[in-house]
Amino acid sequence: MRGGAIFLAFSMLFAVASYAVPVPLFPGSLVPALGVVNVPAGYAPLISAVVNGLVYGLVVWLVFVLVSRRFEEPRVNDIKQKGQ
């Protein structure tokens, strides 16, 4: 549940930041440049912001999941050893 909240929060944060700051940011700037999605020029910054939000939100979520599993692993091993 915490992972979903983190993904949503950081996706929104990066999407709003990408839309508010007029600097092309990878990978969102590639979508309109490569013509992957045929959108009018007015919507290109919005599409870039959404792509950046999803990509960077996914990266932050993945780091959170890996770090949380790393910290939870010793506790599970300690419980198994105490049970034996």
Protein backbone atom coordinates (compact mmCIF):
# COMPACT_ATOMS: atom_id res chain seq x y z
CA MET A 1 0.00 0.00 0.00
CA ARG A 2 2.83 2.39 0.81
CA GLY A 3 4.45 1.62 -2.54
CA GLY A 4 1.36 2.70 -4.44
CA ALA A 5 1.16 5.95 -2.51
CA ILE A 6 4.84 6.63 -3.16
CA PHE A 7 4.42 5.92 -6.87
CA LEU A 8 1.40 8.20 -7.12
CA ALA A 9 2.98 11.02 -5.13
CA PHE A 10 6.26 11.04 -7.02
CA SER A 11 4.57 10.59 -10.40
CA MET A 12 2.45 13.64 -9.76
CA LEU A 13 5.43 15.57 -8.39
CA PHE A 14 7.63 14.87 -11.41
CA ALA A 15 4.79 15.45 -13.88
CA VAL A 16 3.93 18.85 -12.39
CA ALA A 17 7.60 19.82 -12.14
CA SER A 18 8.25 18.77 -15.75
CA TYR A 19 5.28 20.76 -16.96
CA ALA A 20 6.10 23.84 -14.87
CA VAL A 21 9.78 24.07 -15.79
CA PRO A 22 10.25 24.71 -19.52
CA VAL A 23 13.44 22.64 -19.79
CA PRO A 24 13.37 19.45 -21.88
CA LEU A 25 13.91 16.51 -19.56
CA PHE A 26 14.81 12.98 -20.63
CA PRO A 27 12.88 10.68 -21.48
CA GLY A 28 9.77 12.82 -21.94
CA SER A 29 11.45 15.10 -24.44
CA LEU A 30 12.07 12.14 -26.76
CA VAL A 31 8.40 11.26 -27.20
CA PRO A 32 7.41 14.33 -29.25
CA ALA A 33 10.85 14.58 -30.88
CA LEU A 34 10.79 11.04 -32.23
CA GLY A 35 7.17 11.29 -33.29
CA VAL A 36 6.16 8.21 -31.29
CA VAL A 37 2.80 9.80 -30.56
CA ASN A 38 1.23 12.06 -33.17
CA VAL A 39 -0.02 14.98 -31.08
CA PRO A 40 -0.51 18.66 -31.84
CA ALA A 41 2.38 20.93 -30.85
CA GLY A 42 0.35 22.47 -28.01
CA TYR A 43 0.05 19.12 -26.24
CA ALA A 44 3.70 18.10 -26.56
CA PRO A 45 4.74 19.58 -23.18
CA LEU A 46 1.82 17.82 -21.49
CA ILE A 47 2.73 14.45 -23.02
CA SER A 48 6.37 14.98 -22.03
CA ALA A 49 5.35 15.79 -18.46
CA VAL A 50 3.16 12.69 -18.17
CA VAL A 51 5.91 10.43 -19.54
CA ASN A 52 8.47 11.98 -17.17
CA GLY A 53 6.10 11.56 -14.23
CA LEU A 54 5.48 7.90 -15.00
CA VAL A 55 9.13 7.05 -15.64
CA TYR A 56 10.60 8.85 -12.64
CA GLY A 57 7.72 7.75 -10.39
CA LEU A 58 8.46 4.15 -11.41
CA VAL A 59 12.17 4.62 -10.67
CA VAL A 60 11.48 6.04 -7.19
CA TRP A 61 8.95 3.26 -6.50
CA LEU A 62 11.44 0.59 -7.58
CA VAL A 63 14.15 2.05 -5.33
CA PHE A 64 11.66 2.14 -2.44
CA VAL A 65 10.67 -1.50 -2.96
CA LEU A 66 14.28 -2.69 -3.17
CA VAL A 67 15.37 -0.73 -0.10
CA SER A 68 12.36 -1.81 1.96
CA ARG A 69 12.96 -5.47 1.08
CA ARG A 70 16.60 -5.07 2.02
CA PHE A 71 15.66 -3.76 5.47
CA GLU A 72 12.91 -6.36 6.01
CA GLU A 73 15.08 -9.35 5.05
CA PRO A 74 17.17 -9.55 8.26
CA ARG A 75 14.04 -9.56 10.42
CA VAL A 76 12.58 -12.53 8.53
CA ASN A 77 15.83 -14.48 8.87
CA ASP A 78 16.01 -13.71 12.61
CA ILE A 79 12.49 -15.05 13.12
CA LYS A 80 13.29 -18.25 11.20
CA GLN A 81 16.45 -18.83 13.24
CA LYS A 82 14.62 -18.28 16.56
CA GLY A 83 11.95 -20.79 15.56
CA GLN A 84 14.47 -23.60 14.98
